[in-house]
Amino acid sequence: MAIDPERTFKPIAIALLTLSDTRTEADDTSGDILAERITTKGHTIATRAIAREDVTKLVTLLSDWLDDPAIDCIITTGGTGLTGRDVTPEALDQLKIANQGKDIPGFGELFRWISYSTIGTSTVQSRAMAIMAQGKYIFALPGSNGAVKDGWDRILDEQLDSRNRPCNFVELMPRLKEV
């Protein structure tokens, strides 16, 4: 795994969504961490929002973002735990089914493996996951600052870099709608 200087960096437009019943723009620290890392890397924030944890509203918002040609990828933070209000995986499952999408199981598996080194067995409470729908990736990270750092720094930073070898998510984007 390495960045190949012979390859060209291709910035992508990322939609960023924080799911929370309590956070506001003033205290969305996990969203701020992701936004800073995304833009520092050279990508753009296509849009950014904070939404309450409601499956129906989440599916509607994410569907709109999937339909938006100005958005290449979506990253969410929050709503991946086990409580009754944590509904991000359920919303992503609905989107996947409605759009004949696909699970990306390795993302959640790798996230929990990485997280284990930070929080130990508490990582089993995370339902971090990723799907592909309508030719776009949706990555669902937990809402803690440590989790978004682990998810970006140890997975997404490399996989959303078109120069990463031996392969990366960006190079697959033109082929995601193949039948």
C-alpha atoms as a PDB file:
ATOM      1  CA  MET A   1       0.000   0.000   0.000  1.00  0.00           C
ATOM      2  CA  ALA A   2       1.525   3.212  -1.104  1.00  0.00           C
ATOM      3  CA  ILE A   3       0.836   6.434  -2.888  1.00  0.00           C
ATOM      4  CA  ASP A   4       2.097   6.167  -6.457  1.00  0.00           C
ATOM      5  CA  PRO A   5       3.583   9.540  -7.497  1.00  0.00           C
ATOM      6  CA  GLU A   6       3.115   8.526 -11.143  1.00  0.00           C
ATOM      7  CA  ARG A   7      -0.658   8.626 -10.694  1.00  0.00           C
ATOM      8  CA  THR A   8      -2.718  11.819 -10.742  1.00  0.00           C
ATOM      9  CA  PHE A   9      -4.708  12.856  -7.675  1.00  0.00           C
ATOM     10  CA  LYS A  10      -8.409  13.145  -8.533  1.00  0.00           C
ATOM     11  CA  PRO A  11     -10.373  15.206  -6.031  1.00  0.00           C
ATOM     12  CA  ILE A  12     -13.939  14.124  -5.374  1.00  0.00           C
ATOM     13  CA  ALA A  13     -16.967  16.003  -4.029  1.00  0.00           C
ATOM     14  CA  ILE A  14     -18.043  14.603  -0.676  1.00  0.00           C
ATOM     15  CA  ALA A  15     -21.356  15.216   1.102  1.00  0.00           C
ATOM     16  CA  LEU A  16     -20.949  15.183   4.879  1.00  0.00           C
ATOM     17  CA  LEU A  17     -23.816  14.393   7.240  1.00  0.00           C
ATOM     18  CA  THR A  18     -23.807  14.393  11.035  1.00  0.00           C
ATOM     19  CA  LEU A  19     -26.657  12.471  12.632  1.00  0.00           C
ATOM     20  CA  SER A  20     -27.552  13.704  16.075  1.00  0.00           C
ATOM     21  CA  ASP A  21     -30.507  14.777  18.160  1.00  0.00           C
ATOM     22  CA  THR A  22     -28.339  17.179  20.151  1.00  0.00           C
ATOM     23  CA  ARG A  23     -25.472  18.555  18.044  1.00  0.00           C
ATOM     24  CA  THR A  24     -25.545  21.898  16.280  1.00  0.00           C
ATOM     25  CA  GLU A  25     -23.151  23.576  13.851  1.00  0.00           C
ATOM     26  CA  ALA A  26     -21.457  25.154  16.885  1.00  0.00           C
ATOM     27  CA  ASP A  27     -20.562  21.841  18.541  1.00  0.00           C
ATOM     28  CA  ASP A  28     -20.357  19.333  15.667  1.00  0.00           C
ATOM     29  CA  THR A  29     -16.762  18.404  16.453  1.00  0.00           C
ATOM     30  CA  SER A  30     -16.759  15.085  14.613  1.00  0.00           C
ATOM     31  CA  GLY A  31     -18.174  16.758  11.496  1.00  0.00           C
ATOM     32  CA  ASP A  32     -15.551  19.497  11.813  1.00  0.00           C
ATOM     33  CA  ILE A  33     -12.764  16.919  12.046  1.00  0.00           C
ATOM     34  CA  LEU A  34     -13.963  15.160   8.904  1.00  0.00           C
ATOM     35  CA  ALA A  35     -14.477  18.424   6.990  1.00  0.00           C
ATOM     36  CA  GLU A  36     -10.946  19.541   7.836  1.00  0.00           C
ATOM     37  CA  ARG A  37      -9.419  16.226   6.792  1.00  0.00           C
ATOM     38  CA  ILE A  38     -11.451  16.058   3.573  1.00  0.00           C
ATOM     39  CA  THR A  39     -10.447  19.536   2.425  1.00  0.00           C
ATOM     40  CA  THR A  40      -6.830  19.227   3.583  1.00  0.00           C
ATOM     41  CA  LYS A  41      -6.548  16.111   1.438  1.00  0.00           C
ATOM     42  CA  GLY A  42      -7.712  18.113  -1.596  1.00  0.00           C
ATOM     43  CA  HIS A  43     -11.318  16.943  -1.891  1.00  0.00           C
ATOM     44  CA  THR A  44     -14.292  19.310  -1.685  1.00  0.00           C
ATOM     45  CA  ILE A  45     -17.301  19.395   0.608  1.00  0.00           C
ATOM     46  CA  ALA A  46     -20.235  19.335  -1.818  1.00  0.00           C
ATOM     47  CA  THR A  47     -22.701  19.901   1.017  1.00  0.00           C
ATOM     48  CA  ARG A  48     -22.818  19.484   4.776  1.00  0.00           C
ATOM     49  CA  ALA A  49     -25.770  18.995   7.095  1.00  0.00           C
ATOM     50  CA  ILE A  50     -26.836  17.937  10.563  1.00  0.00           C
ATOM     51  CA  ALA A  51     -29.983  15.816  10.801  1.00  0.00           C
ATOM     52  CA  ARG A  52     -31.980  14.157  13.530  1.00  0.00           C
ATOM     53  CA  GLU A  53     -31.859  10.386  13.741  1.00  0.00           C
ATOM     54  CA  ASP A  54     -35.071   9.503  11.890  1.00  0.00           C
ATOM     55  CA  VAL A  55     -35.033   6.682   9.309  1.00  0.00           C
ATOM     56  CA  THR A  56     -37.615   8.188   6.962  1.00  0.00           C
ATOM     57  CA  LYS A  57     -36.019  11.635   6.900  1.00  0.00           C
ATOM     58  CA  LEU A  58     -32.543  10.131   6.586  1.00  0.00           C
ATOM     59  CA  VAL A  59     -33.556   7.967   3.610  1.00  0.00           C
ATOM     60  CA  THR A  60     -35.137  11.014   1.935  1.00  0.00           C
ATOM     61  CA  LEU A  61     -32.071  13.218   2.457  1.00  0.00           C
ATOM     62  CA  LEU A  62     -29.610  10.566   1.336  1.00  0.00           C
ATOM     63  CA  SER A  63     -31.772   9.731  -1.695  1.00  0.00           C
ATOM     64  CA  ASP A  64     -31.655  13.393  -2.706  1.00  0.00           C
ATOM     65  CA  TRP A  65     -27.870  13.355  -2.333  1.00  0.00           C
ATOM     66  CA  LEU A  66     -27.608  10.159  -4.385  1.00  0.00           C
ATOM     67  CA  ASP A  67     -29.582  11.898  -7.145  1.00  0.00           C
ATOM     68  CA  ASP A  68     -27.330  14.974  -7.073  1.00  0.00           C
ATOM     69  CA  PRO A  69     -24.705  14.808  -9.850  1.00  0.00           C
ATOM     70  CA  ALA A  70     -22.510  17.279  -7.923  1.00  0.00           C
ATOM     71  CA  ILE A  71     -21.931  14.671  -5.179  1.00  0.00           C
ATOM     72  CA  ASP A  72     -19.483  11.787  -5.703  1.00  0.00           C
ATOM     73  CA  CYS A  73     -19.495  10.215  -2.235  1.00  0.00           C
ATOM     74  CA  ILE A  74     -21.301  10.540   1.113  1.00  0.00           C
ATOM     75  CA  ILE A  75     -19.830  10.208   4.594  1.00  0.00           C
ATOM     76  CA  THR A  76     -22.062  10.131   7.649  1.00  0.00           C
ATOM     77  CA  THR A  77     -21.099  10.332  11.288  1.00  0.00           C
ATOM     78  CA  GLY A  78     -23.349   9.179  14.105  1.00  0.00           C
ATOM     79  CA  GLY A  79     -26.308   6.861  14.427  1.00  0.00           C
ATOM     80  CA  THR A  80     -24.316   3.618  14.199  1.00  0.00           C
ATOM     81  CA  GLY A  81     -24.669   2.455  17.793  1.00  0.00           C
ATOM     82  CA  LEU A  82     -27.144   0.072  19.410  1.00  0.00           C
ATOM     83  CA  THR A  83     -29.705   2.392  20.999  1.00  0.00           C
ATOM     84  CA  GLY A  84     -33.221   2.861  19.702  1.00  0.00           C
ATOM     85  CA  ARG A  85     -32.325   6.210  18.114  1.00  0.00           C
ATOM     86  CA  ASP A  86     -29.304   4.800  16.215  1.00  0.00           C
ATOM     87  CA  VAL A  87     -30.828   4.177  12.779  1.00  0.00           C
ATOM     88  CA  THR A  88     -28.126   4.892  10.192  1.00  0.00           C
ATOM     89  CA  PRO A  89     -27.574   1.212   9.219  1.00  0.00           C
ATOM     90  CA  GLU A  90     -31.327   0.693   8.827  1.00  0.00           C
ATOM     91  CA  ALA A  91     -31.563   3.733   6.533  1.00  0.00           C
ATOM     92  CA  LEU A  92     -28.590   2.542   4.468  1.00  0.00           C
ATOM     93  CA  ASP A  93     -30.162  -0.905   4.162  1.00  0.00           C
ATOM     94  CA  GLN A  94     -33.338   0.703   2.753  1.00  0.00           C
ATOM     95  CA  LEU A  95     -31.297   2.760   0.287  1.00  0.00           C
ATOM     96  CA  LYS A  96     -29.332  -0.282  -0.796  1.00  0.00           C
ATOM     97  CA  ILE A  97     -32.478  -2.298  -1.474  1.00  0.00           C
ATOM     98  CA  ALA A  98     -34.341   0.558  -3.199  1.00  0.00           C
ATOM     99  CA  ASN A  99     -31.370   1.279  -5.474  1.00  0.00           C
ATOM    100  CA  GLN A 100     -30.163  -2.287  -6.076  1.00  0.00           C
ATOM    101  CA  GLY A 101     -26.966  -1.313  -4.301  1.00  0.00           C
ATOM    102  CA  LYS A 102     -24.282  -3.396  -2.658  1.00  0.00           C
ATOM    103  CA  ASP A 103     -22.827  -3.814   0.807  1.00  0.00           C
ATOM    104  CA  ILE A 104     -19.137  -3.118   1.283  1.00  0.00           C
ATOM    105  CA  PRO A 105     -18.664  -5.472   4.269  1.00  0.00           C
ATOM    106  CA  GLY A 106     -14.898  -5.062   4.448  1.00  0.00           C
ATOM    107  CA  PHE A 107     -15.283  -1.411   5.466  1.00  0.00           C
ATOM    108  CA  GLY A 108     -17.121  -2.178   8.722  1.00  0.00           C
ATOM    109  CA  GLU A 109     -14.918  -5.166   9.434  1.00  0.00           C
ATOM    110  CA  LEU A 110     -11.733  -3.148   8.957  1.00  0.00           C
ATOM    111  CA  PHE A 111     -13.125  -0.223  10.941  1.00  0.00           C
ATOM    112  CA  ARG A 112     -13.849  -2.470  13.951  1.00  0.00           C
ATOM    113  CA  TRP A 113     -10.416  -4.123  13.683  1.00  0.00           C
ATOM    114  CA  ILE A 114      -8.747  -0.688  13.706  1.00  0.00           C
ATOM    115  CA  SER A 115     -11.025   0.554  16.477  1.00  0.00           C
ATOM    116  CA  TYR A 116     -10.149  -2.443  18.648  1.00  0.00           C
ATOM    117  CA  SER A 117      -6.629  -1.049  19.097  1.00  0.00           C
ATOM    118  CA  THR A 118      -8.137   2.183  20.458  1.00  0.00           C
ATOM    119  CA  ILE A 119     -11.210   1.145  22.464  1.00  0.00           C
ATOM    120  CA  GLY A 120     -10.807  -2.601  22.911  1.00  0.00           C
ATOM    121  CA  THR A 121     -13.838  -4.846  22.930  1.00  0.00           C
ATOM    122  CA  SER A 122     -16.200  -1.851  23.026  1.00  0.00           C
ATOM    123  CA  THR A 123     -15.777  -1.838  19.248  1.00  0.00           C
ATOM    124  CA  VAL A 124     -18.383  -4.606  19.009  1.00  0.00           C
ATOM    125  CA  GLN A 125     -21.003  -1.937  19.761  1.00  0.00           C
ATOM    126  CA  SER A 126     -20.228  -0.163  16.482  1.00  0.00           C
ATOM    127  CA  ARG A 127     -22.298  -0.795  13.394  1.00  0.00           C
ATOM    128  CA  ALA A 128     -20.024   1.238  11.111  1.00  0.00           C
ATOM    129  CA  MET A 129     -20.728   0.205   7.548  1.00  0.00           C
ATOM    130  CA  ALA A 130     -20.583   1.176   3.900  1.00  0.00           C
ATOM    131  CA  ILE A 131     -22.727   0.636   0.841  1.00  0.00           C
ATOM    132  CA  MET A 132     -22.670   1.523  -2.817  1.00  0.00           C
ATOM    133  CA  ALA A 133     -25.904   2.834  -4.359  1.00  0.00           C
ATOM    134  CA  GLN A 134     -26.553   4.662  -7.641  1.00  0.00           C
ATOM    135  CA  GLY A 135     -22.850   4.592  -8.394  1.00  0.00           C
ATOM    136  CA  LYS A 136     -21.893   6.366  -5.161  1.00  0.00           C
ATOM    137  CA  TYR A 137     -20.349   5.239  -1.914  1.00  0.00           C
ATOM    138  CA  ILE A 138     -21.937   5.926   1.465  1.00  0.00           C
ATOM    139  CA  PHE A 139     -19.653   5.427   4.467  1.00  0.00           C
ATOM    140  CA  ALA A 140     -21.295   5.432   7.913  1.00  0.00           C
ATOM    141  CA  LEU A 141     -18.926   6.193  10.780  1.00  0.00           C
ATOM    142  CA  PRO A 142     -19.726   6.396  14.493  1.00  0.00           C
ATOM    143  CA  GLY A 143     -20.145   9.889  15.901  1.00  0.00           C
ATOM    144  CA  SER A 144     -17.190  10.118  18.267  1.00  0.00           C
ATOM    145  CA  ASN A 145     -14.128  12.174  17.430  1.00  0.00           C
ATOM    146  CA  GLY A 146     -11.883   9.142  17.815  1.00  0.00           C
ATOM    147  CA  ALA A 147     -14.047   7.065  15.491  1.00  0.00           C
ATOM    148  CA  VAL A 148     -14.050   9.623  12.686  1.00  0.00           C
ATOM    149  CA  LYS A 149     -10.287   9.995  13.017  1.00  0.00           C
ATOM    150  CA  ASP A 150      -9.842   6.209  12.828  1.00  0.00           C
ATOM    151  CA  GLY A 151     -12.231   5.929   9.884  1.00  0.00           C
ATOM    152  CA  TRP A 152     -10.690   8.756   7.890  1.00  0.00           C
ATOM    153  CA  ASP A 153      -7.025   8.432   8.836  1.00  0.00           C
ATOM    154  CA  ARG A 154      -6.793   4.659   8.602  1.00  0.00           C
ATOM    155  CA  ILE A 155      -9.242   3.795   5.790  1.00  0.00           C
ATOM    156  CA  LEU A 156     -10.851   6.597   3.810  1.00  0.00           C
ATOM    157  CA  ASP A 157      -7.778   8.790   3.419  1.00  0.00           C
ATOM    158  CA  GLU A 158      -6.089   6.025   1.400  1.00  0.00           C
ATOM    159  CA  GLN A 159      -9.137   4.551  -0.304  1.00  0.00           C
ATOM    160  CA  LEU A 160     -10.406   7.941  -1.522  1.00  0.00           C
ATOM    161  CA  ASP A 161      -6.978   8.802  -2.950  1.00  0.00           C
ATOM    162  CA  SER A 162      -6.782   7.915  -6.634  1.00  0.00           C
ATOM    163  CA  ARG A 163      -3.016   7.438  -6.316  1.00  0.00           C
ATOM    164  CA  ASN A 164      -3.258   4.653  -3.727  1.00  0.00           C
ATOM    165  CA  ARG A 165      -1.947   1.271  -4.885  1.00  0.00           C
ATOM    166  CA  PRO A 166      -2.673  -1.495  -5.404  1.00  0.00           C
ATOM    167  CA  CYS A 167      -6.265  -0.207  -5.705  1.00  0.00           C
ATOM    168  CA  ASN A 168      -8.690   2.386  -4.349  1.00  0.00           C
ATOM    169  CA  PHE A 169     -12.369   3.336  -4.353  1.00  0.00           C
ATOM    170  CA  VAL A 170     -11.891   6.332  -6.668  1.00  0.00           C
ATOM    171  CA  GLU A 171     -10.581   4.304  -9.588  1.00  0.00           C
ATOM    172  CA  LEU A 172     -13.733   2.156  -9.435  1.00  0.00           C
ATOM    173  CA  MET A 173     -16.147   5.110  -9.524  1.00  0.00           C
ATOM    174  CA  PRO A 174     -16.523   5.240 -13.343  1.00  0.00           C
ATOM    175  CA  ARG A 175     -17.544   1.567 -13.331  1.00  0.00           C
ATOM    176  CA  LEU A 176     -19.967   1.508 -10.391  1.00  0.00           C
ATOM    177  CA  LYS A 177     -23.070   1.770 -12.578  1.00  0.00           C
ATOM    178  CA  GLU A 178     -22.078  -1.106 -14.866  1.00  0.00           C
ATOM    179  CA  VAL A 179     -24.736  -3.725 -15.397  1.00  0.00           C
END
